[in-house]
């Protein structure tokens, strides 16, 4: 049942118009569908919805991520309109200029690891970018 269904993320926003502006001006994304209280986006073959919520984003973990072919180019492109990347330095995860080397991720993709970068949207949601390392 579920294994054959498509998965889509749901991202909370306390201010939907502020979120729309962030996703458009900073990430270059515009909704493909709008409804009262929600904006639906398409990236690659996946979808995500930003929805009006009174709850706060936890910001404590990655809530959604993109897989990209070239993480340096993507980070550089996103920095141009003002996306600020998180910097981490704790056991098992250290970023250098916003990008971390993560050994051992994605053996199912025959990868030796992943390179990752994280940023927050206008609502405090923690979003990630990953590049598989073969």
Protein backbone atom coordinates (compact mmCIF):
# COMPACT_ATOMS: atom_id res chain seq x y z
CA UNK A 1 0.00 0.00 0.00
CA UNK A 2 2.15 2.87 1.22
CA UNK A 3 5.28 1.68 -0.57
CA UNK A 4 3.57 2.36 -3.90
CA UNK A 5 2.30 5.81 -2.97
CA UNK A 6 4.05 9.08 -3.65
CA UNK A 7 5.41 10.99 -0.66
CA UNK A 8 5.07 14.74 -0.25
CA UNK A 9 6.32 17.01 2.53
CA UNK A 10 4.18 19.45 4.53
CA UNK A 11 5.94 22.58 5.79
CA UNK A 12 4.23 24.87 8.35
CA UNK A 13 4.14 28.65 7.98
CA UNK A 14 2.81 31.14 10.47
CA UNK A 15 2.72 33.76 7.70
CA UNK A 16 1.87 32.18 4.36
CA UNK A 17 2.53 35.33 2.30
CA UNK A 18 5.95 35.80 3.94
CA UNK A 19 6.73 32.15 3.15
CA UNK A 20 5.55 32.57 -0.45
CA UNK A 21 7.86 35.58 -0.84
CA UNK A 22 10.82 33.63 0.59
CA UNK A 23 10.30 30.57 -1.59
CA UNK A 24 9.91 32.79 -4.67
CA UNK A 25 12.62 35.42 -4.15
CA UNK A 26 15.23 33.29 -2.36
CA UNK A 27 14.68 29.81 -3.84
CA UNK A 28 13.19 30.69 -7.22
CA UNK A 29 10.09 28.55 -6.59
CA UNK A 30 6.52 29.50 -7.35
CA UNK A 31 3.49 27.44 -6.35
CA UNK A 32 1.86 25.25 -8.97
CA UNK A 33 -1.37 25.24 -6.99
CA UNK A 34 -2.95 27.53 -4.43
CA UNK A 35 -5.82 26.95 -2.05
CA UNK A 36 -7.00 28.76 1.08
CA UNK A 37 -4.26 28.20 3.65
CA UNK A 38 -1.83 26.34 1.40
CA UNK A 39 0.66 26.56 -1.46
CA UNK A 40 1.76 23.45 -3.40
CA UNK A 41 5.17 23.31 -5.09
CA UNK A 42 6.76 20.83 -7.50
CA UNK A 43 10.47 20.10 -7.57
CA UNK A 44 11.71 17.30 -9.81
CA UNK A 45 9.23 14.45 -9.41
CA UNK A 46 8.26 15.42 -5.86
CA UNK A 47 5.87 17.87 -4.28
CA UNK A 48 5.67 19.83 -1.06
CA UNK A 49 3.04 22.04 0.49
CA UNK A 50 3.56 25.11 2.64
CA UNK A 51 0.49 25.50 4.82
CA UNK A 52 -0.83 28.14 7.18
CA UNK A 53 -0.27 26.96 10.75
CA UNK A 54 -0.45 28.46 14.22
CA UNK A 55 2.23 26.01 15.35
CA UNK A 56 5.89 26.91 15.39
CA UNK A 57 8.48 25.18 13.23
CA UNK A 58 10.75 23.16 15.50
CA UNK A 59 13.85 23.98 13.46
CA UNK A 60 15.58 21.18 15.38
CA UNK A 61 15.84 18.72 12.51
CA UNK A 62 15.82 18.73 8.72
CA UNK A 63 12.18 18.96 7.70
CA UNK A 64 12.69 18.63 3.95
CA UNK A 65 15.63 18.29 1.61
CA UNK A 66 16.62 18.39 -2.04
CA UNK A 67 19.06 16.02 -3.73
CA UNK A 68 21.30 17.96 -6.10
CA UNK A 69 24.07 17.04 -8.54
CA UNK A 70 26.45 19.87 -7.57
CA UNK A 71 26.17 21.14 -4.01
CA UNK A 72 28.78 23.91 -4.37
CA UNK A 73 26.97 25.39 -7.37
CA UNK A 74 23.59 25.13 -5.60
CA UNK A 75 24.86 26.75 -2.40
CA UNK A 76 26.54 29.51 -4.41
CA UNK A 77 23.37 30.12 -6.45
CA UNK A 78 21.19 30.27 -3.32
CA UNK A 79 23.56 32.65 -1.54
CA UNK A 80 23.16 35.25 -4.32
CA UNK A 81 19.59 36.20 -3.31
CA UNK A 82 20.52 36.04 0.39
CA UNK A 83 19.96 32.47 1.62
CA UNK A 84 22.10 32.02 4.75
CA UNK A 85 23.52 28.56 5.40
CA UNK A 86 23.91 27.07 8.85
CA UNK A 87 27.37 26.31 10.25
CA UNK A 88 27.82 23.29 12.51
CA UNK A 89 30.78 22.01 14.50
CA UNK A 90 30.01 19.09 16.75
CA UNK A 91 31.12 15.44 16.86
CA UNK A 92 30.11 13.74 13.63
CA UNK A 93 29.10 16.91 11.78
CA UNK A 94 31.25 19.89 10.82
CA UNK A 95 30.50 22.32 8.01
CA UNK A 96 33.13 24.22 6.05
CA UNK A 97 31.69 27.23 4.24
CA UNK A 98 28.22 25.78 4.90
CA UNK A 99 28.88 22.27 3.54
CA UNK A 100 29.44 19.08 5.55
CA UNK A 101 31.02 15.80 4.48
CA UNK A 102 28.96 12.90 5.86
CA UNK A 103 30.50 9.44 5.57
CA UNK A 104 28.39 6.33 5.23
CA UNK A 105 25.09 7.84 4.04
CA UNK A 106 23.08 6.18 1.27
CA UNK A 107 24.60 2.72 0.87
CA UNK A 108 21.34 1.85 -0.94
CA UNK A 109 22.51 4.21 -3.70
CA UNK A 110 25.94 2.56 -3.71
CA UNK A 111 27.31 5.75 -2.23
CA UNK A 112 30.14 6.21 0.22
CA UNK A 113 28.46 9.21 1.77
CA UNK A 114 26.81 12.53 1.24
CA UNK A 115 27.67 16.21 1.24
CA UNK A 116 25.06 18.33 2.97
CA UNK A 117 24.10 21.94 3.63
CA UNK A 118 21.22 23.43 5.65
CA UNK A 119 19.33 26.70 5.75
CA UNK A 120 16.16 28.05 7.34
CA UNK A 121 13.17 29.40 5.50
CA UNK A 122 11.33 32.55 6.56
CA UNK A 123 9.30 30.52 9.08
CA UNK A 124 12.25 28.84 10.83
CA UNK A 125 11.91 25.47 9.08
CA UNK A 126 15.27 23.73 8.63
CA UNK A 127 15.73 22.69 5.00
CA UNK A 128 18.59 20.69 3.55
CA UNK A 129 20.47 20.10 0.34
CA UNK A 130 22.34 16.86 -0.25
CA UNK A 131 24.72 15.50 -2.87
CA UNK A 132 25.46 11.78 -2.98
CA UNK A 133 29.17 10.90 -2.94
CA UNK A 134 29.99 7.82 -5.03
